[in-house]
Each structure stands twice: as C-alpha cells, then as structure tokens.
Amino acid sequence: MNADLDFFFDPVCPWAWITSRWVSEVQSQRSYDVSWKFISLRMVNAERGYANNSQYEALHNAGLQGLRVASAARSIEGNAGVAAFYTALGTAIHHDGRRDLLENPHAFLSEVATSASLPKTIADAFTDETHDEVIRFETEIALGRTGKDVGTPILTFNPKAVNEASLFGPVISKIPRGDEATKLWDAVQTIAESGVAEIKRSLRAAPQFD
C-alpha cells in the first residue's frame, strides 16, 4: 500500500525540520501515512561545488553522514525506524542546538540512536558509503519530481496515484499547530495538485523550533 505522503529530508536543513514537525502535527490530527525518504544536500550541490563555502560543505557532509545512519535504521526497523531516528536527530540538532554531528559524529549519532530506541551500533554506518546508493537514488527521485533548482524539503502528495503532486516546501519559519496546521496542509495540497509551479518571497524570518 502506498503512503499518502513522501517526505524527502536532509537532517541538517532547519527548514525541512520545521516542515517535518508540521507534517507530524497534521498526522496526529488526521489518519494518513508518511514515507520518510532521503535527499542529500551534499549530492544536490555536488555539481555546483562549494567555492568559498567551506562551512556549508562541512554541514552538508555531516547531513550525508546522518542520512547513512538513517538508512541503517531503515534496514532494521523500516520506515518507523527512519521516523524515530530523524525525530531524535532533528531535535538534538535544531531544537537543542547541538553541533556534535560536526565535532564528534560517531559518539553523537550513537547517542541519538539510543534515544530513538534503536541499536547504537547503527552509528557505525556514518562513514559507510554503501548507503549512498539508496540516498542518491531517492535524491534523484525527489529532484525528478520537482526539477533540480530546489533544496529541502520536498513533498509528494499521493505518490504513485493518478493525482500525485510534488513541490519544494513549504518553507515555514515556525511550526503550525492545531487548526493552523490543518488549514495550511489543505492549502498546500490544493496548490500542489492544481499545477502551480511557483509561489515565492525571498524574505524569511529566522527559524523557530518550538
């Protein structure tokens, strides 16, 4: 059975994290299934390069390491394992403001795995490039649905159905709750399914993770 939504994420992206918590908020109010999938900002930016952007390169490399461990979680616990690991990792990085993924990745990812009720040994996968094949495959799927000039998150409503619709975003600065969350959900799904190509403004408030 297909999921109701494919959600493509890189764990180091703050905007993807906020959008994922909105998706989880709506999921708690409505009955639908989310398939958590991978998109690597390191792979997305491979052709563009990182000239004069060494901080972004380090961050995106760390994101790829996190995705490798998420892939290991999937191999053990399936989609639920990815959801649990992403929730624990995103909370530590974005909500708690920890930088350990850059400074001490193996110990940090072991701790995150344990907090997600997963074997801490999956952290060993952070340097295991055999996971890159599935990460690259899902990255290409995501970009094939939206076009390449985007980042994260990418959402696909009703994947593999006649009314399948994908978009980059929404990029939101704080997590909608309650009725606000479901109203935004209905609006975004309507926009996605109506064939709208782009709605954008460049001004953004700083991300709020509470």
N, C-alpha and C. Protein backbone atom coordinates (compact mmCIF):
# COMPACT_ATOMS: atom_id res chain seq x y z
N MET A 1 0.85 -1.20 0.00
CA MET A 1 0.00 0.00 0.00
C MET A 1 0.88 1.25 0.00
N ASN A 2 0.58 2.18 -0.87
CA ASN A 2 1.37 3.40 -0.96
C ASN A 2 1.07 4.34 0.21
N ALA A 3 2.08 5.12 0.58
CA ALA A 3 1.88 6.14 1.60
C ALA A 3 1.04 7.28 1.03
N ASP A 4 0.50 8.10 1.92
CA ASP A 4 -0.25 9.28 1.49
C ASP A 4 0.68 10.45 1.18
N LEU A 5 1.90 10.41 1.73
CA LEU A 5 2.85 11.49 1.52
C LEU A 5 4.27 10.93 1.55
N ASP A 6 5.09 11.32 0.57
CA ASP A 6 6.53 11.11 0.62
C ASP A 6 7.17 12.40 1.11
N PHE A 7 7.98 12.30 2.14
CA PHE A 7 8.67 13.48 2.69
C PHE A 7 10.17 13.26 2.55
N PHE A 8 10.82 14.07 1.71
CA PHE A 8 12.25 13.96 1.46
C PHE A 8 12.98 14.98 2.34
N PHE A 9 13.95 14.51 3.12
CA PHE A 9 14.62 15.39 4.07
C PHE A 9 16.12 15.16 4.10
N ASP A 10 16.83 16.22 4.44
CA ASP A 10 18.22 16.16 4.88
C ASP A 10 18.20 16.62 6.34
N PRO A 11 18.78 15.86 7.25
CA PRO A 11 18.61 16.17 8.67
C PRO A 11 19.22 17.48 9.13
N VAL A 12 20.16 18.04 8.38
CA VAL A 12 20.77 19.29 8.82
C VAL A 12 20.03 20.53 8.34
N CYS A 13 19.02 20.36 7.51
CA CYS A 13 18.26 21.51 7.00
C CYS A 13 17.23 21.98 8.02
N PRO A 14 17.35 23.19 8.55
CA PRO A 14 16.39 23.65 9.56
C PRO A 14 14.98 23.82 9.00
N TRP A 15 14.88 24.20 7.73
CA TRP A 15 13.56 24.41 7.13
C TRP A 15 12.85 23.08 6.94
N ALA A 16 13.58 22.06 6.53
CA ALA A 16 12.98 20.73 6.42
C ALA A 16 12.51 20.24 7.78
N TRP A 17 13.29 20.53 8.81
CA TRP A 17 12.91 20.10 10.16
C TRP A 17 11.58 20.74 10.58
N ILE A 18 11.45 22.04 10.40
CA ILE A 18 10.20 22.71 10.77
C ILE A 18 9.04 22.14 9.98
N THR A 19 9.22 21.96 8.68
CA THR A 19 8.14 21.40 7.86
C THR A 19 7.80 19.99 8.29
N SER A 20 8.79 19.21 8.67
CA SER A 20 8.52 17.84 9.12
C SER A 20 7.71 17.81 10.40
N ARG A 21 7.95 18.77 11.29
CA ARG A 21 7.18 18.81 12.54
C ARG A 21 5.75 19.26 12.26
N TRP A 22 5.57 20.11 11.27
CA TRP A 22 4.21 20.47 10.84
C TRP A 22 3.51 19.25 10.27
N VAL A 23 4.19 18.49 9.42
CA VAL A 23 3.61 17.27 8.86
C VAL A 23 3.23 16.30 9.98
N SER A 24 4.09 16.16 10.97
CA SER A 24 3.79 15.26 12.09
C SER A 24 2.61 15.78 12.91
N GLU A 25 2.50 17.10 13.04
CA GLU A 25 1.36 17.69 13.74
C GLU A 25 0.06 17.36 13.03
N VAL A 26 0.04 17.51 11.72
CA VAL A 26 -1.18 17.18 10.96
C VAL A 26 -1.45 15.68 11.03
N GLN A 27 -0.40 14.89 10.98
CA GLN A 27 -0.55 13.44 11.04
C GLN A 27 -1.21 13.02 12.36
N SER A 28 -0.94 13.76 13.43
CA SER A 28 -1.54 13.43 14.72
C SER A 28 -3.03 13.75 14.76
N GLN A 29 -3.49 14.61 13.83
CA GLN A 29 -4.90 15.00 13.79
C GLN A 29 -5.69 14.26 12.73
N ARG A 30 -4.99 13.76 11.72
CA ARG A 30 -5.66 13.08 10.62
C ARG A 30 -4.99 11.73 10.36
N SER A 31 -5.73 10.83 9.80
CA SER A 31 -5.19 9.49 9.55
C SER A 31 -4.56 9.43 8.17
N TYR A 32 -3.24 9.53 8.11
CA TYR A 32 -2.54 9.34 6.84
C TYR A 32 -1.13 8.86 7.12
N ASP A 33 -0.54 8.21 6.13
CA ASP A 33 0.78 7.61 6.27
C ASP A 33 1.84 8.46 5.58
N VAL A 34 2.97 8.64 6.25
CA VAL A 34 4.10 9.38 5.70
C VAL A 34 5.25 8.41 5.47
N SER A 35 5.81 8.44 4.27
CA SER A 35 7.03 7.69 3.97
C SER A 35 8.20 8.66 4.03
N TRP A 36 9.10 8.43 4.98
CA TRP A 36 10.25 9.32 5.18
C TRP A 36 11.38 8.90 4.26
N LYS A 37 11.76 9.80 3.36
CA LYS A 37 12.74 9.48 2.33
C LYS A 37 13.91 10.46 2.38
N PHE A 38 14.97 10.11 1.67
CA PHE A 38 16.23 10.83 1.78
C PHE A 38 16.47 11.76 0.60
N ILE A 39 17.01 12.93 0.90
CA ILE A 39 17.58 13.79 -0.13
C ILE A 39 18.81 14.43 0.48
N SER A 40 19.94 14.27 -0.16
CA SER A 40 21.21 14.76 0.36
C SER A 40 21.57 16.11 -0.26
N LEU A 41 21.69 17.12 0.58
CA LEU A 41 22.12 18.43 0.09
C LEU A 41 23.55 18.37 -0.43
N ARG A 42 24.35 17.45 0.10
CA ARG A 42 25.71 17.27 -0.42
C ARG A 42 25.66 16.80 -1.87
N MET A 43 24.76 15.88 -2.16
CA MET A 43 24.64 15.38 -3.53
C MET A 43 23.97 16.40 -4.43
N VAL A 44 22.99 17.12 -3.91
CA VAL A 44 22.30 18.15 -4.69
C VAL A 44 23.29 19.21 -5.16
N ASN A 45 24.24 19.55 -4.29
CA ASN A 45 25.18 20.63 -4.59
C ASN A 45 26.50 20.14 -5.17
N ALA A 46 26.59 18.86 -5.50
CA ALA A 46 27.86 18.30 -5.98
C ALA A 46 28.35 19.00 -7.24
N GLU A 47 27.44 19.29 -8.17
CA GLU A 47 27.85 19.93 -9.43
C GLU A 47 28.14 21.42 -9.25
N ARG A 48 27.49 22.03 -8.28
CA ARG A 48 27.69 23.47 -8.07
C ARG A 48 29.00 23.75 -7.34
N GLY A 49 29.41 22.82 -6.50
CA GLY A 49 30.63 22.99 -5.74
C GLY A 49 30.44 23.87 -4.52
N TYR A 50 31.51 24.04 -3.76
CA TYR A 50 31.44 24.79 -2.50
C TYR A 50 32.53 25.86 -2.43
N ALA A 51 32.81 26.49 -3.54
CA ALA A 51 33.82 27.56 -3.54
C ALA A 51 33.44 28.63 -2.52
N ASN A 52 34.37 28.91 -1.61
CA ASN A 52 34.17 29.93 -0.57
C ASN A 52 33.01 29.61 0.36
N ASN A 53 32.61 28.35 0.43
CA ASN A 53 31.51 27.95 1.31
C ASN A 53 31.88 26.69 2.07
N SER A 54 33.03 26.71 2.72
CA SER A 54 33.51 25.52 3.42
C SER A 54 32.61 25.12 4.58
N GLN A 55 31.94 26.10 5.20
CA GLN A 55 31.04 25.78 6.31
C GLN A 55 29.84 24.98 5.81
N TYR A 56 29.29 25.39 4.67
CA TYR A 56 28.18 24.64 4.10
C TYR A 56 28.62 23.25 3.68
N GLU A 57 29.82 23.14 3.14
CA GLU A 57 30.31 21.83 2.72
C GLU A 57 30.42 20.89 3.92
N ALA A 58 30.97 21.39 5.02
CA ALA A 58 31.09 20.57 6.22
C ALA A 58 29.71 20.18 6.75
N LEU A 59 28.78 21.13 6.73
CA LEU A 59 27.43 20.85 7.21
C LEU A 59 26.74 19.81 6.34
N HIS A 60 26.86 19.96 5.03
CA HIS A 60 26.20 19.02 4.12
C HIS A 60 26.86 17.65 4.16
N ASN A 61 28.16 17.60 4.39
CA ASN A 61 28.82 16.30 4.59
C ASN A 61 28.28 15.62 5.84
N ALA A 62 28.07 16.41 6.89
CA ALA A 62 27.51 15.87 8.12
C ALA A 62 26.08 15.37 7.89
N GLY A 63 25.33 16.09 7.07
CA GLY A 63 23.98 15.64 6.74
C GLY A 63 23.99 14.30 6.04
N LEU A 64 24.94 14.12 5.12
CA LEU A 64 25.06 12.83 4.43
C LEU A 64 25.40 11.72 5.41
N GLN A 65 26.25 12.01 6.37
CA GLN A 65 26.57 11.01 7.39
C GLN A 65 25.33 10.64 8.20
N GLY A 66 24.53 11.64 8.53
CA GLY A 66 23.29 11.37 9.24
C GLY A 66 22.32 10.53 8.42
N LEU A 67 22.25 10.79 7.13
CA LEU A 67 21.37 10.01 6.25
C LEU A 67 21.83 8.57 6.14
N ARG A 68 23.14 8.34 6.16
CA ARG A 68 23.63 6.96 6.13
C ARG A 68 23.14 6.19 7.35
N VAL A 69 23.15 6.83 8.50
CA VAL A 69 22.67 6.17 9.71
C VAL A 69 21.15 5.99 9.64
N ALA A 70 20.45 6.97 9.08
CA ALA A 70 19.00 6.81 8.88
C ALA A 70 18.71 5.63 7.96
N SER A 71 19.54 5.44 6.95
CA SER A 71 19.39 4.29 6.05
C SER A 71 19.61 2.99 6.81
N ALA A 72 20.58 2.98 7.72
CA ALA A 72 20.81 1.80 8.55
C ALA A 72 19.62 1.55 9.46
N ALA A 73 19.02 2.62 9.98
CA ALA A 73 17.82 2.47 10.81
C ALA A 73 16.68 1.86 10.00
N ARG A 74 16.55 2.28 8.75
CA ARG A 74 15.51 1.72 7.88
C ARG A 74 15.72 0.22 7.66
N SER A 75 16.97 -0.19 7.51
CA SER A 75 17.24 -1.61 7.26
C SER A 75 16.85 -2.49 8.44
N ILE A 76 16.77 -1.89 9.62
CA ILE A 76 16.41 -2.65 10.82
C ILE A 76 14.93 -2.51 11.16
N GLU A 77 14.42 -1.28 11.13
CA GLU A 77 13.06 -1.00 11.62
C GLU A 77 12.16 -0.40 10.56
N GLY A 78 12.60 -0.37 9.30
CA GLY A 78 11.75 0.15 8.25
C GLY A 78 11.49 1.63 8.39
N ASN A 79 10.36 2.07 7.85
CA ASN A 79 10.01 3.49 7.84
C ASN A 79 9.89 4.06 9.25
N ALA A 80 9.39 3.25 10.18
CA ALA A 80 9.26 3.70 11.57
C ALA A 80 10.62 4.01 12.18
N GLY A 81 11.63 3.24 11.78
CA GLY A 81 12.98 3.50 12.27
C GLY A 81 13.52 4.81 11.76
N VAL A 82 13.25 5.13 10.50
CA VAL A 82 13.68 6.41 9.94
C VAL A 82 12.98 7.56 10.67
N ALA A 83 11.68 7.43 10.88
CA ALA A 83 10.92 8.47 11.57
C ALA A 83 11.47 8.72 12.97
N ALA A 84 11.72 7.65 13.70
CA ALA A 84 12.22 7.78 15.07
C ALA A 84 13.61 8.40 15.09
N PHE A 85 14.47 7.96 14.18
CA PHE A 85 15.83 8.48 14.16
C PHE A 85 15.84 9.95 13.74
N TYR A 86 15.07 10.31 12.72
CA TYR A 86 15.02 11.70 12.28
C TYR A 86 14.48 12.60 13.38
N THR A 87 13.45 12.15 14.08
CA THR A 87 12.90 12.94 15.17
C THR A 87 13.95 13.19 16.25
N ALA A 88 14.67 12.14 16.63
CA ALA A 88 15.69 12.29 17.67
C ALA A 88 16.85 13.15 17.20
N LEU A 89 17.29 12.94 15.96
CA LEU A 89 18.43 13.70 15.43
C LEU A 89 18.06 15.17 15.22
N GLY A 90 16.90 15.41 14.64
CA GLY A 90 16.47 16.78 14.40
C GLY A 90 16.25 17.55 15.69
N THR A 91 15.70 16.89 16.70
CA THR A 91 15.52 17.53 17.99
C THR A 91 16.85 17.96 18.58
N ALA A 92 17.83 17.07 18.52
CA ALA A 92 19.15 17.38 19.07
C ALA A 92 19.83 18.52 18.31
N ILE A 93 19.75 18.49 16.98
CA ILE A 93 20.44 19.50 16.17
C ILE A 93 19.73 20.85 16.23
N HIS A 94 18.44 20.84 15.97
CA HIS A 94 17.73 22.10 15.75
C HIS A 94 17.10 22.64 17.04
N HIS A 95 16.39 21.81 17.77
CA HIS A 95 15.74 22.29 18.99
C HIS A 95 16.75 22.54 20.10
N ASP A 96 17.68 21.57 20.28
CA ASP A 96 18.65 21.69 21.37
C ASP A 96 19.91 22.45 20.97
N GLY A 97 20.09 22.67 19.67
CA GLY A 97 21.22 23.46 19.20
C GLY A 97 22.58 22.79 19.31
N ARG A 98 22.60 21.47 19.30
CA ARG A 98 23.87 20.76 19.44
C ARG A 98 24.62 20.68 18.11
N ARG A 99 25.94 20.80 18.19
CA ARG A 99 26.80 20.77 17.00
C ARG A 99 27.67 19.52 16.95
N ASP A 100 27.31 18.53 17.74
CA ASP A 100 28.14 17.33 17.86
C ASP A 100 28.26 16.55 16.55
N LEU A 101 27.28 16.70 15.65
CA LEU A 101 27.36 15.99 14.38
C LEU A 101 28.57 16.45 13.59
N LEU A 102 28.97 17.70 13.79
CA LEU A 102 30.17 18.22 13.13
C LEU A 102 31.43 17.90 13.92
N GLU A 103 31.32 17.85 15.24
CA GLU A 103 32.51 17.78 16.09
C GLU A 103 32.86 16.37 16.54
N ASN A 104 31.86 15.54 16.79
CA ASN A 104 32.11 14.18 17.28
C ASN A 104 31.00 13.27 16.77
N PRO A 105 30.94 13.05 15.46
CA PRO A 105 29.76 12.43 14.85
C PRO A 105 29.43 11.03 15.36
N HIS A 106 30.41 10.17 15.52
CA HIS A 106 30.10 8.79 15.88
C HIS A 106 29.47 8.70 17.27
N ALA A 107 30.07 9.36 18.25
CA ALA A 107 29.51 9.33 19.60
C ALA A 107 28.12 9.97 19.63
N PHE A 108 27.99 11.08 18.92
CA PHE A 108 26.70 11.78 18.89
C PHE A 108 25.62 10.92 18.24
N LEU A 109 25.92 10.32 17.10
CA LEU A 109 24.93 9.50 16.40
C LEU A 109 24.59 8.24 17.19
N SER A 110 25.55 7.71 17.93
CA SER A 110 25.26 6.58 18.82
C SER A 110 24.26 6.99 19.90
N GLU A 111 24.48 8.17 20.47
CA GLU A 111 23.57 8.69 21.49
C GLU A 111 22.17 8.92 20.92
N VAL A 112 22.12 9.50 19.73
CA VAL A 112 20.83 9.76 19.09
C VAL A 112 20.10 8.46 18.81
N ALA A 113 20.81 7.46 18.30
CA ALA A 113 20.18 6.17 18.02
C ALA A 113 19.59 5.57 19.29
N THR A 114 20.33 5.64 20.38
CA THR A 114 19.83 5.10 21.65
C THR A 114 18.58 5.84 22.10
N SER A 115 18.57 7.16 21.95
CA SER A 115 17.40 7.94 22.37
C SER A 115 16.19 7.66 21.49
N ALA A 116 16.44 7.14 20.28
CA ALA A 116 15.35 6.76 19.37
C ALA A 116 14.96 5.29 19.52
N SER A 117 15.50 4.64 20.56
CA SER A 117 15.23 3.22 20.83
C SER A 117 15.70 2.33 19.69
N LEU A 118 16.83 2.71 19.10
CA LEU A 118 17.46 1.94 18.04
C LEU A 118 18.84 1.50 18.52
N PRO A 119 19.40 0.43 17.95
CA PRO A 119 20.73 -0.01 18.36
C PRO A 119 21.77 1.08 18.11
N LYS A 120 22.58 1.36 19.10
CA LYS A 120 23.59 2.41 18.92
C LYS A 120 24.62 2.03 17.86
N THR A 121 24.70 0.76 17.54
CA THR A 121 25.68 0.31 16.54
C THR A 121 25.36 0.81 15.14
N ILE A 122 24.13 1.29 14.91
CA ILE A 122 23.83 1.81 13.57
C ILE A 122 24.66 3.05 13.27
N ALA A 123 25.18 3.69 14.32
CA ALA A 123 26.03 4.86 14.11
C ALA A 123 27.29 4.52 13.33
N ASP A 124 27.67 3.25 13.35
CA ASP A 124 28.85 2.83 12.58
C ASP A 124 28.68 3.12 11.09
N ALA A 125 27.44 3.26 10.65
CA ALA A 125 27.16 3.47 9.22
C ALA A 125 27.50 4.88 8.75
N PHE A 126 27.89 5.77 9.66
CA PHE A 126 28.05 7.18 9.24
C PHE A 126 29.14 7.37 8.19
N THR A 127 30.08 6.44 8.11
CA THR A 127 31.11 6.51 7.06
C THR A 127 30.96 5.41 6.02
N ASP A 128 29.85 4.68 6.08
CA ASP A 128 29.64 3.53 5.19
C ASP A 128 29.01 4.00 3.87
N GLU A 129 29.83 4.10 2.84
CA GLU A 129 29.36 4.64 1.56
C GLU A 129 28.45 3.68 0.80
N THR A 130 28.28 2.46 1.28
CA THR A 130 27.33 1.56 0.61
C THR A 130 25.90 2.08 0.74
N HIS A 131 25.65 2.92 1.73
CA HIS A 131 24.31 3.51 1.88
C HIS A 131 24.07 4.64 0.88
N ASP A 132 25.14 5.13 0.25
CA ASP A 132 24.99 6.27 -0.65
C ASP A 132 24.16 5.94 -1.88
N GLU A 133 24.13 4.67 -2.26
CA GLU A 133 23.37 4.30 -3.45
C GLU A 133 21.89 4.61 -3.27
N VAL A 134 21.32 4.19 -2.15
CA VAL A 134 19.89 4.44 -1.93
C VAL A 134 19.64 5.93 -1.68
N ILE A 135 20.58 6.60 -1.01
CA ILE A 135 20.43 8.03 -0.77
C ILE A 135 20.45 8.79 -2.09
N ARG A 136 21.36 8.44 -2.96
CA ARG A 136 21.43 9.09 -4.28
C ARG A 136 20.18 8.77 -5.11
N PHE A 137 19.73 7.53 -5.04
CA PHE A 137 18.54 7.11 -5.78
C PHE A 137 17.33 7.93 -5.36
N GLU A 138 17.13 8.10 -4.05
CA GLU A 138 15.97 8.85 -3.58
C GLU A 138 16.13 10.34 -3.83
N THR A 139 17.36 10.84 -3.77
CA THR A 139 17.62 12.24 -4.12
C THR A 139 17.21 12.50 -5.57
N GLU A 140 17.58 11.59 -6.45
CA GLU A 140 17.24 11.75 -7.87
C GLU A 140 15.73 11.63 -8.10
N ILE A 141 15.07 10.76 -7.35
CA ILE A 141 13.61 10.68 -7.45
C ILE A 141 12.98 12.02 -7.08
N ALA A 142 13.42 12.58 -5.95
CA ALA A 142 12.86 13.85 -5.48
C ALA A 142 13.05 14.95 -6.51
N LEU A 143 14.27 15.09 -7.03
CA LEU A 143 14.55 16.15 -8.00
C LEU A 143 13.87 15.88 -9.33
N GLY A 144 13.64 14.61 -9.64
CA GLY A 144 12.90 14.28 -10.86
C GLY A 144 11.45 14.69 -10.78
N ARG A 145 10.94 14.85 -9.58
CA ARG A 145 9.54 15.25 -9.40
C ARG A 145 9.36 16.76 -9.36
N THR A 146 10.40 17.50 -8.99
CA THR A 146 10.26 18.94 -8.81
C THR A 146 11.12 19.77 -9.75
N GLY A 147 12.14 19.17 -10.35
CA GLY A 147 13.18 19.93 -11.03
C GLY A 147 14.37 20.09 -10.10
N LYS A 148 15.52 20.41 -10.67
CA LYS A 148 16.77 20.36 -9.91
C LYS A 148 17.10 21.64 -9.15
N ASP A 149 16.46 22.74 -9.44
CA ASP A 149 16.83 24.01 -8.83
C ASP A 149 16.09 24.24 -7.52
N VAL A 150 16.13 23.23 -6.65
CA VAL A 150 15.46 23.32 -5.35
C VAL A 150 16.34 22.66 -4.30
N GLY A 151 15.88 22.72 -3.06
CA GLY A 151 16.58 22.08 -1.95
C GLY A 151 15.65 21.19 -1.17
N THR A 152 15.63 21.38 0.15
CA THR A 152 14.77 20.58 1.00
C THR A 152 13.88 21.49 1.84
N PRO A 153 12.69 21.01 2.20
CA PRO A 153 12.15 19.67 1.95
C PRO A 153 11.45 19.58 0.59
N ILE A 154 11.22 18.35 0.17
CA ILE A 154 10.36 18.07 -0.98
C ILE A 154 9.25 17.14 -0.52
N LEU A 155 8.02 17.48 -0.89
CA LEU A 155 6.85 16.69 -0.52
C LEU A 155 6.17 16.16 -1.77
N THR A 156 5.73 14.92 -1.71
CA THR A 156 4.90 14.34 -2.76
C THR A 156 3.60 13.87 -2.13
N PHE A 157 2.50 14.48 -2.54
CA PHE A 157 1.18 14.04 -2.11
C PHE A 157 0.71 12.89 -3.00
N ASN A 158 0.10 11.90 -2.40
CA ASN A 158 -0.49 10.76 -3.13
C ASN A 158 0.50 10.12 -4.10
N PRO A 159 1.69 9.71 -3.61
CA PRO A 159 2.69 9.13 -4.51
C PRO A 159 2.17 7.90 -5.24
N LYS A 160 2.49 7.85 -6.54
CA LYS A 160 2.13 6.75 -7.44
C LYS A 160 0.64 6.68 -7.75
N ALA A 161 -0.13 7.67 -7.31
CA ALA A 161 -1.55 7.73 -7.64
C ALA A 161 -1.75 8.65 -8.84
N VAL A 162 -2.96 8.62 -9.39
CA VAL A 162 -3.26 9.46 -10.56
C VAL A 162 -3.08 10.94 -10.23
N ASN A 163 -3.41 11.30 -9.00
CA ASN A 163 -3.33 12.71 -8.59
C ASN A 163 -2.04 13.01 -7.83
N GLU A 164 -0.97 12.26 -8.09
CA GLU A 164 0.32 12.54 -7.46
C GLU A 164 0.75 13.97 -7.77
N ALA A 165 1.26 14.66 -6.75
CA ALA A 165 1.71 16.05 -6.93
C ALA A 165 2.86 16.33 -5.97
N SER A 166 3.92 16.94 -6.50
CA SER A 166 5.11 17.21 -5.70
C SER A 166 5.44 18.70 -5.71
N LEU A 167 6.11 19.14 -4.64
CA LEU A 167 6.60 20.51 -4.59
C LEU A 167 7.76 20.61 -3.62
N PHE A 168 8.55 21.65 -3.80
CA PHE A 168 9.58 22.02 -2.84
C PHE A 168 8.92 22.91 -1.80
N GLY A 169 9.10 22.54 -0.53
CA GLY A 169 8.50 23.32 0.55
C GLY A 169 7.28 22.62 1.13
N PRO A 170 6.47 23.37 1.85
CA PRO A 170 6.58 24.80 2.12
C PRO A 170 7.72 25.11 3.09
N VAL A 171 8.38 26.22 2.84
CA VAL A 171 9.41 26.72 3.74
C VAL A 171 8.71 27.65 4.73
N ILE A 172 8.66 27.24 5.98
CA ILE A 172 7.94 28.00 7.00
C ILE A 172 8.87 28.25 8.18
N SER A 173 8.68 29.38 8.86
CA SER A 173 9.64 29.79 9.89
C SER A 173 9.28 29.28 11.28
N LYS A 174 8.04 28.84 11.48
CA LYS A 174 7.67 28.26 12.77
C LYS A 174 6.68 27.13 12.54
N ILE A 175 6.55 26.26 13.50
CA ILE A 175 5.74 25.05 13.36
C ILE A 175 4.27 25.38 13.61
N PRO A 176 3.41 25.26 12.60
CA PRO A 176 1.98 25.49 12.83
C PRO A 176 1.41 24.39 13.73
N ARG A 177 0.49 24.77 14.59
CA ARG A 177 -0.14 23.82 15.50
C ARG A 177 -1.66 23.89 15.36
N GLY A 178 -2.33 22.82 15.77
CA GLY A 178 -3.78 22.80 15.81
C GLY A 178 -4.43 23.08 14.47
N ASP A 179 -5.47 23.92 14.51
CA ASP A 179 -6.21 24.25 13.29
C ASP A 179 -5.33 24.95 12.25
N GLU A 180 -4.37 25.73 12.72
CA GLU A 180 -3.46 26.42 11.80
C GLU A 180 -2.70 25.41 10.95
N ALA A 181 -2.34 24.29 11.56
CA ALA A 181 -1.58 23.26 10.83
C ALA A 181 -2.43 22.61 9.75
N THR A 182 -3.67 22.26 10.07
CA THR A 182 -4.51 21.59 9.08
C THR A 182 -4.96 22.54 7.97
N LYS A 183 -5.17 23.80 8.31
CA LYS A 183 -5.52 24.78 7.27
C LYS A 183 -4.38 24.94 6.27
N LEU A 184 -3.16 25.01 6.78
CA LEU A 184 -2.02 25.13 5.88
C LEU A 184 -1.86 23.87 5.04
N TRP A 185 -2.07 22.73 5.66
CA TRP A 185 -1.99 21.45 4.93
C TRP A 185 -2.95 21.44 3.74
N ASP A 186 -4.21 21.79 3.99
CA ASP A 186 -5.20 21.77 2.92
C ASP A 186 -4.82 22.75 1.81
N ALA A 187 -4.30 23.91 2.20
CA ALA A 187 -3.91 24.91 1.20
C ALA A 187 -2.73 24.43 0.36
N VAL A 188 -1.73 23.85 1.01
CA VAL A 188 -0.54 23.39 0.28
C VAL A 188 -0.90 22.23 -0.64
N GLN A 189 -1.72 21.32 -0.16
CA GLN A 189 -2.11 20.19 -1.01
C GLN A 189 -2.90 20.68 -2.23
N THR A 190 -3.77 21.65 -2.02
CA THR A 190 -4.53 22.21 -3.13
C THR A 190 -3.61 22.86 -4.16
N ILE A 191 -2.64 23.62 -3.68
CA ILE A 191 -1.68 24.26 -4.59
C ILE A 191 -0.88 23.22 -5.35
N ALA A 192 -0.42 22.19 -4.64
CA ALA A 192 0.38 21.15 -5.29
C ALA A 192 -0.40 20.44 -6.39
N GLU A 193 -1.66 20.14 -6.12
CA GLU A 193 -2.46 19.37 -7.06
C GLU A 193 -3.04 20.22 -8.19
N SER A 194 -2.94 21.56 -8.07
CA SER A 194 -3.53 22.43 -9.08
C SER A 194 -2.57 22.77 -10.21
N GLY A 195 -1.32 22.34 -10.10
CA GLY A 195 -0.35 22.61 -11.15
C GLY A 195 0.40 23.92 -11.01
N VAL A 196 0.26 24.59 -9.86
CA VAL A 196 1.02 25.82 -9.64
C VAL A 196 2.51 25.50 -9.63
N ALA A 197 3.30 26.26 -10.37
CA ALA A 197 4.74 25.99 -10.47
C ALA A 197 5.55 26.68 -9.38
N GLU A 198 5.17 27.90 -9.02
CA GLU A 198 6.00 28.61 -8.04
C GLU A 198 5.21 29.73 -7.38
N ILE A 199 5.33 29.80 -6.05
CA ILE A 199 4.90 30.96 -5.26
C ILE A 199 6.06 31.25 -4.33
N LYS A 200 6.55 32.49 -4.30
CA LYS A 200 7.79 32.72 -3.56
C LYS A 200 7.91 34.15 -3.08
N ARG A 201 8.52 34.30 -1.90
CA ARG A 201 9.07 35.59 -1.49
C ARG A 201 10.41 35.29 -0.83
N SER A 202 11.36 36.18 -1.00
CA SER A 202 12.72 35.91 -0.54
C SER A 202 12.94 36.26 0.92
N LEU A 203 12.09 37.09 1.50
CA LEU A 203 12.24 37.46 2.91
C LEU A 203 11.79 36.31 3.79
N ARG A 204 12.62 35.97 4.77
CA ARG A 204 12.29 34.89 5.70
C ARG A 204 12.59 35.34 7.13
N ALA A 205 11.70 34.98 8.04
CA ALA A 205 12.00 35.16 9.45
C ALA A 205 12.97 34.07 9.89
N ALA A 206 13.68 34.30 10.96
CA ALA A 206 14.58 33.28 11.49
C ALA A 206 13.77 32.06 11.91
N PRO A 207 14.30 30.86 11.70
CA PRO A 207 13.55 29.66 12.07
C PRO A 207 13.32 29.56 13.57
N GLN A 208 12.10 29.17 13.94
CA GLN A 208 11.72 28.96 15.34
C GLN A 208 11.37 27.49 15.51
N PHE A 209 12.03 26.80 16.44
CA PHE A 209 11.92 25.36 16.53
C PHE A 209 11.00 24.86 17.63
N ASP A 210 10.39 25.76 18.40
CA ASP A 210 9.50 25.33 19.48
C ASP A 210 8.11 25.01 18.95
